[in-house]
PDB file of N, CA and C in Angstrom:
ATOM      1  N   UNK A   1      74.340 -35.874 152.497  1.00  0.00           N
ATOM      2  CA  UNK A   1      73.626 -36.619 153.510  1.00  0.00           C
ATOM      3  C   UNK A   1      72.137 -36.700 153.185  1.00  0.00           C
ATOM      4  N   UNK A   2      71.604 -35.724 152.475  1.00  0.00           N
ATOM      5  CA  UNK A   2      70.194 -35.762 152.102  1.00  0.00           C
ATOM      6  C   UNK A   2      69.905 -36.946 151.187  1.00  0.00           C
ATOM      7  N   UNK A   3      70.839 -37.245 150.281  1.00  0.00           N
ATOM      8  CA  UNK A   3      70.638 -38.353 149.353  1.00  0.00           C
ATOM      9  C   UNK A   3      70.622 -39.678 150.095  1.00  0.00           C
ATOM     10  N   UNK A   4      71.439 -39.796 151.124  1.00  0.00           N
ATOM     11  CA  UNK A   4      71.468 -41.031 151.902  1.00  0.00           C
ATOM     12  C   UNK A   4      70.134 -41.225 152.608  1.00  0.00           C
ATOM     13  N   UNK A   5      69.582 -40.151 153.139  1.00  0.00           N
ATOM     14  CA  UNK A   5      68.282 -40.245 153.804  1.00  0.00           C
ATOM     15  C   UNK A   5      67.195 -40.637 152.814  1.00  0.00           C
ATOM     16  N   UNK A   6      67.290 -40.155 151.586  1.00  0.00           N
ATOM     17  CA  UNK A   6      66.310 -40.519 150.565  1.00  0.00           C
ATOM     18  C   UNK A   6      66.487 -41.956 150.080  1.00  0.00           C
ATOM     19  N   UNK A   7      67.720 -42.455 150.135  1.00  0.00           N
ATOM     20  CA  UNK A   7      68.001 -43.807 149.662  1.00  0.00           C
ATOM     21  C   UNK A   7      67.603 -44.878 150.671  1.00  0.00           C
ATOM     22  N   UNK A   8      67.540 -44.554 151.936  1.00  0.00           N
ATOM     23  CA  UNK A   8      67.288 -45.571 152.961  1.00  0.00           C
ATOM     24  C   UNK A   8      65.983 -46.333 152.759  1.00  0.00           C
ATOM     25  N   UNK A   9      64.867 -45.686 152.397  1.00  0.00           N
ATOM     26  CA  UNK A   9      63.640 -46.474 152.178  1.00  0.00           C
ATOM     27  C   UNK A   9      63.752 -47.450 151.002  1.00  0.00           C
ATOM     28  N   UNK A  10      64.706 -47.199 150.091  1.00  0.00           N
ATOM     29  CA  UNK A  10      64.875 -48.088 148.939  1.00  0.00           C
ATOM     30  C   UNK A  10      65.549 -49.400 149.316  1.00  0.00           C
ATOM     31  N   UNK A  11      66.226 -49.422 150.457  1.00  0.00           N
ATOM     32  CA  UNK A  11      66.917 -50.615 150.971  1.00  0.00           C
ATOM     33  C   UNK A  11      67.870 -51.190 149.926  1.00  0.00           C
ATOM     34  N   UNK A  12      68.715 -50.314 149.372  1.00  0.00           N
ATOM     35  CA  UNK A  12      69.714 -50.742 148.404  1.00  0.00           C
ATOM     36  C   UNK A  12      70.880 -51.392 149.132  1.00  0.00           C
ATOM     37  N   UNK A  13      71.585 -52.254 148.436  1.00  0.00           N
ATOM     38  CA  UNK A  13      72.802 -52.827 149.015  1.00  0.00           C
ATOM     39  C   UNK A  13      73.852 -51.724 149.095  1.00  0.00           C
ATOM     40  N   UNK A  14      74.895 -51.954 149.897  1.00  0.00           N
ATOM     41  CA  UNK A  14      75.955 -50.952 150.024  1.00  0.00           C
ATOM     42  C   UNK A  14      76.603 -50.675 148.672  1.00  0.00           C
ATOM     43  N   UNK A  15      76.802 -51.717 147.894  1.00  0.00           N
ATOM     44  CA  UNK A  15      77.432 -51.548 146.583  1.00  0.00           C
ATOM     45  C   UNK A  15      76.569 -50.679 145.665  1.00  0.00           C
ATOM     46  N   UNK A  16      75.261 -50.930 145.646  1.00  0.00           N
ATOM     47  CA  UNK A  16      74.362 -50.126 144.819  1.00  0.00           C
ATOM     48  C   UNK A  16      74.289 -48.684 145.317  1.00  0.00           C
ATOM     49  N   UNK A  17      74.295 -48.503 146.618  1.00  0.00           N
ATOM     50  CA  UNK A  17      74.271 -47.152 147.191  1.00  0.00           C
ATOM     51  C   UNK A  17      75.520 -46.381 146.806  1.00  0.00           C
ATOM     52  N   UNK A  18      76.666 -47.065 146.852  1.00  0.00           N
ATOM     53  CA  UNK A  18      77.933 -46.420 146.487  1.00  0.00           C
ATOM     54  C   UNK A  18      77.907 -46.027 145.013  1.00  0.00           C
ATOM     55  N   UNK A  19      77.445 -46.921 144.147  1.00  0.00           N
ATOM     56  CA  UNK A  19      77.366 -46.600 142.713  1.00  0.00           C
ATOM     57  C   UNK A  19      76.427 -45.424 142.467  1.00  0.00           C
ATOM     58  N   UNK A  20      75.327 -45.393 143.180  1.00  0.00           N
ATOM     59  CA  UNK A  20      74.379 -44.288 143.042  1.00  0.00           C
ATOM     60  C   UNK A  20      75.036 -42.967 143.437  1.00  0.00           C
ATOM     61  N   UNK A  21      75.748 -42.958 144.557  1.00  0.00           N
ATOM     62  CA  UNK A  21      76.394 -41.728 145.023  1.00  0.00           C
ATOM     63  C   UNK A  21      77.524 -41.304 144.094  1.00  0.00           C
ATOM     64  N   UNK A  22      78.271 -42.261 143.560  1.00  0.00           N
ATOM     65  CA  UNK A  22      79.359 -41.933 142.629  1.00  0.00           C
ATOM     66  C   UNK A  22      78.790 -41.296 141.369  1.00  0.00           C
ATOM     67  N   UNK A  23      77.689 -41.819 140.871  1.00  0.00           N
ATOM     68  CA  UNK A  23      77.088 -41.279 139.644  1.00  0.00           C
ATOM     69  C   UNK A  23      76.516 -39.884 139.838  1.00  0.00           C
ATOM     70  N   UNK A  24      76.271 -39.471 141.061  1.00  0.00           N
ATOM     71  CA  UNK A  24      75.724 -38.141 141.333  1.00  0.00           C
ATOM     72  C   UNK A  24      76.804 -37.067 141.449  1.00  0.00           C
ATOM     73  N   UNK A  25      78.078 -37.444 141.401  1.00  0.00           N
ATOM     74  CA  UNK A  25      79.173 -36.475 141.520  1.00  0.00           C
ATOM     75  C   UNK A  25      79.332 -35.765 140.186  1.00  0.00           C
ATOM     76  N   UNK A  26      79.303 -34.434 140.200  1.00  0.00           N
ATOM     77  CA  UNK A  26      79.343 -33.670 138.949  1.00  0.00           C
ATOM     78  C   UNK A  26      80.759 -33.474 138.416  1.00  0.00           C
ATOM     79  N   UNK A  27      81.748 -33.425 139.270  1.00  0.00           N
ATOM     80  CA  UNK A  27      83.129 -33.220 138.840  1.00  0.00           C
ATOM     81  C   UNK A  27      83.700 -34.536 138.315  1.00  0.00           C
ATOM     82  N   UNK A  28      84.139 -34.533 137.060  1.00  0.00           N
ATOM     83  CA  UNK A  28      84.671 -35.756 136.465  1.00  0.00           C
ATOM     84  C   UNK A  28      85.939 -36.220 137.164  1.00  0.00           C
ATOM     85  N   UNK A  29      86.788 -35.292 137.574  1.00  0.00           N
ATOM     86  CA  UNK A  29      88.034 -35.661 138.242  1.00  0.00           C
ATOM     87  C   UNK A  29      87.747 -36.356 139.567  1.00  0.00           C
ATOM     88  N   UNK A  30      86.852 -35.786 140.338  1.00  0.00           N
ATOM     89  CA  UNK A  30      86.530 -36.381 141.637  1.00  0.00           C
ATOM     90  C   UNK A  30      85.767 -37.690 141.438  1.00  0.00           C
ATOM     91  N   UNK A  31      84.896 -37.743 140.442  1.00  0.00           N
ATOM     92  CA  UNK A  31      84.161 -38.979 140.178  1.00  0.00           C
ATOM     93  C   UNK A  31      85.124 -40.112 139.828  1.00  0.00           C
ATOM     94  N   UNK A  32      86.131 -39.805 139.020  1.00  0.00           N
ATOM     95  CA  UNK A  32      87.127 -40.818 138.672  1.00  0.00           C
ATOM     96  C   UNK A  32      87.926 -41.267 139.872  1.00  0.00           C
ATOM     97  N   UNK A  33      88.286 -40.330 140.727  1.00  0.00           N
ATOM     98  CA  UNK A  33      89.033 -40.661 141.939  1.00  0.00           C
ATOM     99  C   UNK A  33      88.194 -41.529 142.866  1.00  0.00           C
ATOM    100  N   UNK A  34      86.947 -41.163 143.043  1.00  0.00           N
ATOM    101  CA  UNK A  34      86.055 -41.898 143.942  1.00  0.00           C
ATOM    102  C   UNK A  34      85.744 -43.281 143.380  1.00  0.00           C
ATOM    103  N   UNK A  35      85.605 -43.377 142.067  1.00  0.00           N
ATOM    104  CA  UNK A  35      85.302 -44.672 141.460  1.00  0.00           C
ATOM    105  C   UNK A  35      86.449 -45.655 141.634  1.00  0.00           C
ATOM    106  N   UNK A  36      87.653 -45.152 141.803  1.00  0.00           N
ATOM    107  CA  UNK A  36      88.801 -46.040 141.974  1.00  0.00           C
ATOM    108  C   UNK A  36      88.978 -46.508 143.417  1.00  0.00           C
ATOM    109  N   UNK A  37      88.182 -45.993 144.334  1.00  0.00           N
ATOM    110  CA  UNK A  37      88.272 -46.424 145.732  1.00  0.00           C
ATOM    111  C   UNK A  37      87.845 -47.880 145.861  1.00  0.00           C
ATOM    112  N   UNK A  38      88.546 -48.619 146.694  1.00  0.00           N
ATOM    113  CA  UNK A  38      88.188 -50.015 146.966  1.00  0.00           C
ATOM    114  C   UNK A  38      87.655 -50.098 148.387  1.00  0.00           C
ATOM    115  N   UNK A  39      86.363 -49.873 148.523  1.00  0.00           N
ATOM    116  CA  UNK A  39      85.712 -49.928 149.830  1.00  0.00           C
ATOM    117  C   UNK A  39      84.614 -50.982 149.773  1.00  0.00           C
ATOM    118  N   UNK A  40      84.278 -51.527 150.942  1.00  0.00           N
ATOM    119  CA  UNK A  40      83.308 -52.618 150.983  1.00  0.00           C
ATOM    120  C   UNK A  40      82.020 -52.248 151.698  1.00  0.00           C
ATOM    121  N   UNK A  41      82.009 -51.108 152.362  1.00  0.00           N
ATOM    122  CA  UNK A  41      80.778 -50.710 153.051  1.00  0.00           C
ATOM    123  C   UNK A  41      80.495 -49.243 152.778  1.00  0.00           C
ATOM    124  N   UNK A  42      79.275 -48.869 153.002  1.00  0.00           N
ATOM    125  CA  UNK A  42      78.859 -47.486 152.792  1.00  0.00           C
ATOM    126  C   UNK A  42      79.563 -46.558 153.772  1.00  0.00           C
ATOM    127  N   UNK A  43      79.781 -47.021 154.999  1.00  0.00           N
ATOM    128  CA  UNK A  43      80.480 -46.194 155.992  1.00  0.00           C
ATOM    129  C   UNK A  43      81.917 -45.910 155.567  1.00  0.00           C
ATOM    130  N   UNK A  44      82.610 -46.922 155.047  1.00  0.00           N
ATOM    131  CA  UNK A  44      83.978 -46.714 154.553  1.00  0.00           C
ATOM    132  C   UNK A  44      83.974 -45.706 153.407  1.00  0.00           C
ATOM    133  N   UNK A  45      83.019 -45.869 152.520  1.00  0.00           N
ATOM    134  CA  UNK A  45      82.912 -44.970 151.371  1.00  0.00           C
ATOM    135  C   UNK A  45      82.706 -43.531 151.829  1.00  0.00           C
ATOM    136  N   UNK A  46      81.816 -43.328 152.788  1.00  0.00           N
ATOM    137  CA  UNK A  46      81.539 -41.973 153.271  1.00  0.00           C
ATOM    138  C   UNK A  46      82.752 -41.367 153.961  1.00  0.00           C
ATOM    139  N   UNK A  47      83.507 -42.183 154.702  1.00  0.00           N
ATOM    140  CA  UNK A  47      84.734 -41.670 155.334  1.00  0.00           C
ATOM    141  C   UNK A  47      85.740 -41.234 154.275  1.00  0.00           C
ATOM    142  N   UNK A  48      85.920 -42.065 153.251  1.00  0.00           N
ATOM    143  CA  UNK A  48      86.854 -41.723 152.173  1.00  0.00           C
ATOM    144  C   UNK A  48      86.387 -40.481 151.414  1.00  0.00           C
ATOM    145  N   UNK A  49      85.092 -40.387 151.178  1.00  0.00           N
ATOM    146  CA  UNK A  49      84.547 -39.208 150.491  1.00  0.00           C
ATOM    147  C   UNK A  49      84.782 -37.947 151.303  1.00  0.00           C
ATOM    148  N   UNK A  50      84.603 -38.033 152.594  1.00  0.00           N
ATOM    149  CA  UNK A  50      84.841 -36.870 153.447  1.00  0.00           C
ATOM    150  C   UNK A  50      86.301 -36.458 153.367  1.00  0.00           C
ATOM    151  N   UNK A  51      87.193 -37.439 153.372  1.00  0.00           N
ATOM    152  CA  UNK A  51      88.626 -37.140 153.268  1.00  0.00           C
ATOM    153  C   UNK A  51      88.944 -36.481 151.922  1.00  0.00           C
ATOM    154  N   UNK A  52      88.371 -37.005 150.846  1.00  0.00           N
ATOM    155  CA  UNK A  52      88.633 -36.459 149.506  1.00  0.00           C
ATOM    156  C   UNK A  52      88.086 -35.043 149.385  1.00  0.00           C
ATOM    157  N   UNK A  53      86.872 -34.832 149.831  1.00  0.00           N
ATOM    158  CA  UNK A  53      86.270 -33.507 149.674  1.00  0.00           C
ATOM    159  C   UNK A  53      86.955 -32.462 150.542  1.00  0.00           C
ATOM    160  N   UNK A  54      87.428 -32.849 151.719  1.00  0.00           N
ATOM    161  CA  UNK A  54      88.145 -31.861 152.542  1.00  0.00           C
ATOM    162  C   UNK A  54      89.513 -31.568 151.959  1.00  0.00           C
ATOM    163  N   UNK A  55      90.169 -32.568 151.369  1.00  0.00           N
ATOM    164  CA  UNK A  55      91.481 -32.312 150.774  1.00  0.00           C
ATOM    165  C   UNK A  55      91.362 -31.529 149.473  1.00  0.00           C
ATOM    166  N   UNK A  56      90.238 -31.653 148.785  1.00  0.00           N
ATOM    167  CA  UNK A  56      90.009 -30.887 147.549  1.00  0.00           C
ATOM    168  C   UNK A  56      89.406 -29.524 147.843  1.00  0.00           C
ATOM    169  N   UNK A  57      89.102 -29.269 149.108  1.00  0.00           N
ATOM    170  CA  UNK A  57      88.528 -28.000 149.552  1.00  0.00           C
ATOM    171  C   UNK A  57      87.214 -27.712 148.833  1.00  0.00           C
ATOM    172  N   UNK A  58      86.371 -28.717 148.735  1.00  0.00           N
ATOM    173  CA  UNK A  58      85.065 -28.564 148.098  1.00  0.00           C
ATOM    174  C   UNK A  58      84.066 -28.166 149.157  1.00  0.00           C
ATOM    175  N   UNK A  59      83.355 -27.094 148.874  1.00  0.00           N
ATOM    176  CA  UNK A  59      82.333 -26.634 149.793  1.00  0.00           C
ATOM    177  C   UNK A  59      80.984 -27.048 149.244  1.00  0.00           C
ATOM    178  N   UNK A  60      80.050 -27.268 150.162  1.00  0.00           N
ATOM    179  CA  UNK A  60      78.716 -27.626 149.713  1.00  0.00           C
ATOM    180  C   UNK A  60      78.093 -26.453 148.985  1.00  0.00           C
ATOM    181  N   UNK A  61      77.405 -26.773 147.919  1.00  0.00           N
ATOM    182  CA  UNK A  61      76.734 -25.730 147.155  1.00  0.00           C
ATOM    183  C   UNK A  61      75.476 -25.311 147.892  1.00  0.00           C
ATOM    184  N   UNK A  62      75.320 -24.028 148.045  1.00  0.00           N
ATOM    185  CA  UNK A  62      74.071 -23.537 148.621  1.00  0.00           C
ATOM    186  C   UNK A  62      73.208 -23.060 147.467  1.00  0.00           C
ATOM    187  N   UNK A  63      71.988 -23.477 147.484  1.00  0.00           N
ATOM    188  CA  UNK A  63      71.116 -23.083 146.384  1.00  0.00           C
ATOM    189  C   UNK A  63      70.572 -21.692 146.659  1.00  0.00           C
ATOM    190  N   UNK A  64      70.967 -20.776 145.827  1.00  0.00           N
ATOM    191  CA  UNK A  64      70.479 -19.410 145.951  1.00  0.00           C
ATOM    192  C   UNK A  64      69.551 -19.141 144.778  1.00  0.00           C
ATOM    193  N   UNK A  65      68.577 -18.302 144.979  1.00  0.00           N
ATOM    194  CA  UNK A  65      67.648 -18.029 143.886  1.00  0.00           C
ATOM    195  C   UNK A  65      68.356 -17.332 142.728  1.00  0.00           C
ATOM    196  N   UNK A  66      67.963 -17.690 141.552  1.00  0.00           N
ATOM    197  CA  UNK A  66      68.530 -17.085 140.356  1.00  0.00           C
ATOM    198  C   UNK A  66      67.773 -15.798 140.081  1.00  0.00           C
ATOM    199  N   UNK A  67      68.496 -14.703 140.115  1.00  0.00           N
ATOM    200  CA  UNK A  67      67.888 -13.403 139.874  1.00  0.00           C
ATOM    201  C   UNK A  67      68.233 -12.942 138.465  1.00  0.00           C
ATOM    202  N   UNK A  68      67.293 -12.368 137.752  1.00  0.00           N
ATOM    203  CA  UNK A  68      67.597 -11.895 136.400  1.00  0.00           C
ATOM    204  C   UNK A  68      68.556 -10.715 136.449  1.00  0.00           C
ATOM    205  N   UNK A  69      69.456 -10.702 135.496  1.00  0.00           N
ATOM    206  CA  UNK A  69      70.405  -9.598 135.421  1.00  0.00           C
ATOM    207  C   UNK A  69      69.732  -8.423 134.734  1.00  0.00           C
ATOM    208  N   UNK A  70      69.926  -7.251 135.318  1.00  0.00           N
ATOM    209  CA  UNK A  70      69.247  -6.065 134.797  1.00  0.00           C
ATOM    210  C   UNK A  70      69.788  -5.636 133.444  1.00  0.00           C
ATOM    211  N   UNK A  71      71.074  -5.925 133.181  1.00  0.00           N
ATOM    212  CA  UNK A  71      71.647  -5.470 131.927  1.00  0.00           C
ATOM    213  C   UNK A  71      71.197  -6.325 130.742  1.00  0.00           C
ATOM    214  N   UNK A  72      70.543  -7.447 130.984  1.00  0.00           N
ATOM    215  CA  UNK A  72      70.059  -8.278 129.888  1.00  0.00           C
ATOM    216  C   UNK A  72      68.805  -7.712 129.239  1.00  0.00           C
ATOM    217  N   UNK A  73      68.045  -6.970 130.002  1.00  0.00           N
ATOM    218  CA  UNK A  73      66.770  -6.482 129.502  1.00  0.00           C
ATOM    219  C   UNK A  73      66.899  -5.049 129.020  1.00  0.00           C
ATOM    220  N   UNK A  74      66.327  -4.804 127.879  1.00  0.00           N
ATOM    221  CA  UNK A  74      66.369  -3.476 127.291  1.00  0.00           C
ATOM    222  C   UNK A  74      65.064  -2.774 127.638  1.00  0.00           C
ATOM    223  N   UNK A  75      65.175  -1.588 128.154  1.00  0.00           N
ATOM    224  CA  UNK A  75      63.974  -0.817 128.463  1.00  0.00           C
ATOM    225  C   UNK A  75      63.486  -0.162 127.186  1.00  0.00           C
ATOM    226  N   UNK A  76      62.447  -0.722 126.627  1.00  0.00           N
ATOM    227  CA  UNK A  76      61.882  -0.197 125.390  1.00  0.00           C
ATOM    228  C   UNK A  76      60.571   0.487 125.740  1.00  0.00           C
ATOM    229  N   UNK A  77      60.595   1.796 125.750  1.00  0.00           N
ATOM    230  CA  UNK A  77      59.417   2.567 126.125  1.00  0.00           C
ATOM    231  C   UNK A  77      58.553   2.938 124.933  1.00  0.00           C
ATOM    232  N   UNK A  78      58.917   2.490 123.737  1.00  0.00           N
ATOM    233  CA  UNK A  78      58.124   2.843 122.563  1.00  0.00           C
ATOM    234  C   UNK A  78      56.850   2.016 122.542  1.00  0.00           C
ATOM    235  N   UNK A  79      55.825   2.590 121.977  1.00  0.00           N
ATOM    236  CA  UNK A  79      54.545   1.893 121.902  1.00  0.00           C
ATOM    237  C   UNK A  79      54.605   0.870 120.772  1.00  0.00           C
ATOM    238  N   UNK A  80      53.770  -0.174 120.828  1.00  0.00           N
ATOM    239  CA  UNK A  80      53.792  -1.169 119.762  1.00  0.00           C
ATOM    240  C   UNK A  80      53.326  -0.609 118.423  1.00  0.00           C
ATOM    241  N   UNK A  81      52.595   0.476 118.447  1.00  0.00           N
ATOM    242  CA  UNK A  81      52.110   1.095 117.216  1.00  0.00           C
ATOM    243  C   UNK A  81      53.209   1.868 116.488  1.00  0.00           C
ATOM    244  N   UNK A  82      54.274   2.214 117.208  1.00  0.00           N
ATOM    245  CA  UNK A  82      55.332   3.042 116.639  1.00  0.00           C
ATOM    246  C   UNK A  82      56.190   2.201 115.695  1.00  0.00           C
ATOM    247  N   UNK A  83      56.119   2.489 114.408  1.00  0.00           N
ATOM    248  CA  UNK A  83      56.901   1.745 113.426  1.00  0.00           C
ATOM    249  C   UNK A  83      57.975   2.612 112.805  1.00  0.00           C
ATOM    250  N   UNK A  84      58.263   3.752 113.406  1.00  0.00           N
ATOM    251  CA  UNK A  84      59.235   4.664 112.814  1.00  0.00           C
ATOM    252  C   UNK A  84      60.651   4.117 112.899  1.00  0.00           C
ATOM    253  N   UNK A  85      60.897   3.159 113.784  1.00  0.00           N
ATOM    254  CA  UNK A  85      62.242   2.623 113.916  1.00  0.00           C
ATOM    255  C   UNK A  85      62.524   1.525 112.884  1.00  0.00           C
ATOM    256  N   UNK A  86      61.504   1.097 112.126  1.00  0.00           N
ATOM    257  CA  UNK A  86      61.716   0.115 111.076  1.00  0.00           C
ATOM    258  C   UNK A  86      62.236   0.808 109.827  1.00  0.00           C
ATOM    259  N   UNK A  87      63.041   0.110 109.079  1.00  0.00           N
ATOM    260  CA  UNK A  87      63.471   0.632 107.792  1.00  0.00           C
ATOM    261  C   UNK A  87      62.326   0.450 106.806  1.00  0.00           C
ATOM    262  N   UNK A  88      62.267   1.292 105.824  1.00  0.00           N
ATOM    263  CA  UNK A  88      61.186   1.230 104.842  1.00  0.00           C
ATOM    264  C   UNK A  88      61.171  -0.116 104.117  1.00  0.00           C
ATOM    265  N   UNK A  89      62.343  -0.682 103.843  1.00  0.00           N
ATOM    266  CA  UNK A  89      62.371  -1.938 103.106  1.00  0.00           C
ATOM    267  C   UNK A  89      61.884  -3.107 103.953  1.00  0.00           C
ATOM    268  N   UNK A  90      61.902  -2.964 105.288  1.00  0.00           N
ATOM    269  CA  UNK A  90      61.445  -4.028 106.172  1.00  0.00           C
ATOM    270  C   UNK A  90      59.945  -3.978 106.419  1.00  0.00           C
ATOM    271  N   UNK A  91      59.289  -2.902 106.037  1.00  0.00           N
ATOM    272  CA  UNK A  91      57.867  -2.759 106.301  1.00  0.00           C
ATOM    273  C   UNK A  91      57.041  -3.582 105.325  1.00  0.00           C
ATOM    274  N   UNK A  92      55.961  -4.179 105.839  1.00  0.00           N
ATOM    275  CA  UNK A  92      54.979  -4.806 104.965  1.00  0.00           C
ATOM    276  C   UNK A  92      53.628  -4.730 105.649  1.00  0.00           C
ATOM    277  N   UNK A  93      52.603  -4.745 104.844  1.00  0.00           N
ATOM    278  CA  UNK A  93      51.238  -4.588 105.325  1.00  0.00           C
ATOM    279  C   UNK A  93      50.665  -5.944 105.719  1.00  0.00           C
ATOM    280  N   UNK A  94      50.067  -6.006 106.895  1.00  0.00           N
ATOM    281  CA  UNK A  94      49.440  -7.241 107.363  1.00  0.00           C
ATOM    282  C   UNK A  94      48.116  -7.486 106.650  1.00  0.00           C
ATOM    283  N   UNK A  95      47.540  -6.475 106.027  1.00  0.00           N
ATOM    284  CA  UNK A  95      46.254  -6.615 105.340  1.00  0.00           C
ATOM    285  C   UNK A  95      46.437  -7.099 103.899  1.00  0.00           C
ATOM    286  N   UNK A  96      47.210  -6.365 103.118  1.00  0.00           N
ATOM    287  CA  UNK A  96      47.347  -6.704 101.700  1.00  0.00           C
ATOM    288  C   UNK A  96      48.687  -7.360 101.368  1.00  0.00           C
ATOM    289  N   UNK A  97      49.553  -7.483 102.337  1.00  0.00           N
ATOM    290  CA  UNK A  97      50.898  -8.045 102.173  1.00  0.00           C
ATOM    291  C   UNK A  97      51.773  -7.230 101.233  1.00  0.00           C
ATOM    292  N   UNK A  98      51.421  -6.006 101.044  1.00  0.00           N
ATOM    293  CA  UNK A  98      52.229  -5.122 100.218  1.00  0.00           C
ATOM    294  C   UNK A  98      53.449  -4.641 100.984  1.00  0.00           C
ATOM    295  N   UNK A  99      54.451  -4.229 100.243  1.00  0.00           N
ATOM    296  CA  UNK A  99      55.695  -3.772 100.863  1.00  0.00           C
ATOM    297  C   UNK A  99      55.684  -2.261 101.043  1.00  0.00           C
ATOM    298  N   UNK A 100      56.553  -1.795 101.915  1.00  0.00           N
ATOM    299  CA  UNK A 100      56.837  -0.376 102.159  1.00  0.00           C
ATOM    300  C   UNK A 100      55.702   0.385 102.829  1.00  0.00           C
ATOM    301  N   UNK A 101      54.750  -0.311 103.439  1.00  0.00           N
ATOM    302  CA  UNK A 101      53.733   0.373 104.236  1.00  0.00           C
ATOM    303  C   UNK A 101      53.165  -0.613 105.259  1.00  0.00           C
ATOM    304  N   UNK A 102      52.431  -0.080 106.236  1.00  0.00           N
ATOM    305  CA  UNK A 102      51.815  -0.913 107.269  1.00  0.00           C
ATOM    306  C   UNK A 102      50.306  -0.909 107.088  1.00  0.00           C
ATOM    307  N   UNK A 103      49.623  -1.701 107.917  1.00  0.00           N
ATOM    308  CA  UNK A 103      48.168  -1.796 107.842  1.00  0.00           C
ATOM    309  C   UNK A 103      47.521  -0.439 108.125  1.00  0.00           C
ATOM    310  N   UNK A 104      48.147   0.355 109.011  1.00  0.00           N
ATOM    311  CA  UNK A 104      47.614   1.681 109.329  1.00  0.00           C
ATOM    312  C   UNK A 104      47.615   2.600 108.106  1.00  0.00           C
ATOM    313  N   UNK A 105      48.587   2.400 107.220  1.00  0.00           N
ATOM    314  CA  UNK A 105      48.717   3.257 106.042  1.00  0.00           C
ATOM    315  C   UNK A 105      48.235   2.571 104.759  1.00  0.00           C
ATOM    316  N   UNK A 106      47.580   1.426 104.855  1.00  0.00           N
ATOM    317  CA  UNK A 106      47.214   0.637 103.676  1.00  0.00           C
ATOM    318  C   UNK A 106      46.140   1.356 102.852  1.00  0.00           C
ATOM    319  N   UNK A 107      46.461   1.629 101.598  1.00  0.00           N
ATOM    320  CA  UNK A 107      45.510   2.324 100.732  1.00  0.00           C
ATOM    321  C   UNK A 107      44.349   1.408 100.344  1.00  0.00           C
ATOM    322  N   UNK A 108      44.575   0.096 100.242  1.00  0.00           N
ATOM    323  CA  UNK A 108      43.488  -0.832  99.909  1.00  0.00           C
ATOM    324  C   UNK A 108      42.473  -0.915 101.043  1.00  0.00           C
ATOM    325  N   UNK A 109      42.948  -0.895 102.276  1.00  0.00           N
ATOM    326  CA  UNK A 109      42.045  -0.945 103.424  1.00  0.00           C
ATOM    327  C   UNK A 109      41.263   0.351 103.537  1.00  0.00           C
ATOM    328  N   UNK A 110      41.942   1.478 103.265  1.00  0.00           N
ATOM    329  CA  UNK A 110      41.252   2.774 103.309  1.00  0.00           C
ATOM    330  C   UNK A 110      40.234   2.871 102.174  1.00  0.00           C
ATOM    331  N   UNK A 111      40.563   2.303 101.017  1.00  0.00           N
ATOM    332  CA  UNK A 111      39.666   2.324  99.868  1.00  0.00           C
ATOM    333  C   UNK A 111      38.429   1.463 100.135  1.00  0.00           C
ATOM    334  N   UNK A 112      38.614   0.352 100.850  1.00  0.00           N
ATOM    335  CA  UNK A 112      37.521  -0.556 101.179  1.00  0.00           C
ATOM    336  C   UNK A 112      36.555   0.087 102.170  1.00  0.00           C
ATOM    337  N   UNK A 113      37.063   0.883 103.078  1.00  0.00           N
ATOM    338  CA  UNK A 113      36.232   1.479 104.134  1.00  0.00           C
ATOM    339  C   UNK A 113      35.471   2.655 103.673  1.00  0.00           C
TER     340      UNK A 113
END
């Protein structure tokens, strides 16, 4: 019913309003059934839609807020400086681009300082 209220200022013909409402149906089965209806007015269409939706036992969707699932997030309490969980072969220095060490342990940076 909200869509009908939004469509009224557009002053669409009944046929255009029906096509608009049919295209907004998400279920392909129901959309196909509704598209095959032979109705000539918006009121007839709405009566038929009410009959179809009650016989299909479709309930209106209530929009509930989407809450993040707690099991998706990993609690990582390690500090960003902690590199002990990296394998030695995965380590590389951001300063000299050398392998097997980090910038904190870079001998070239220590030699420069």
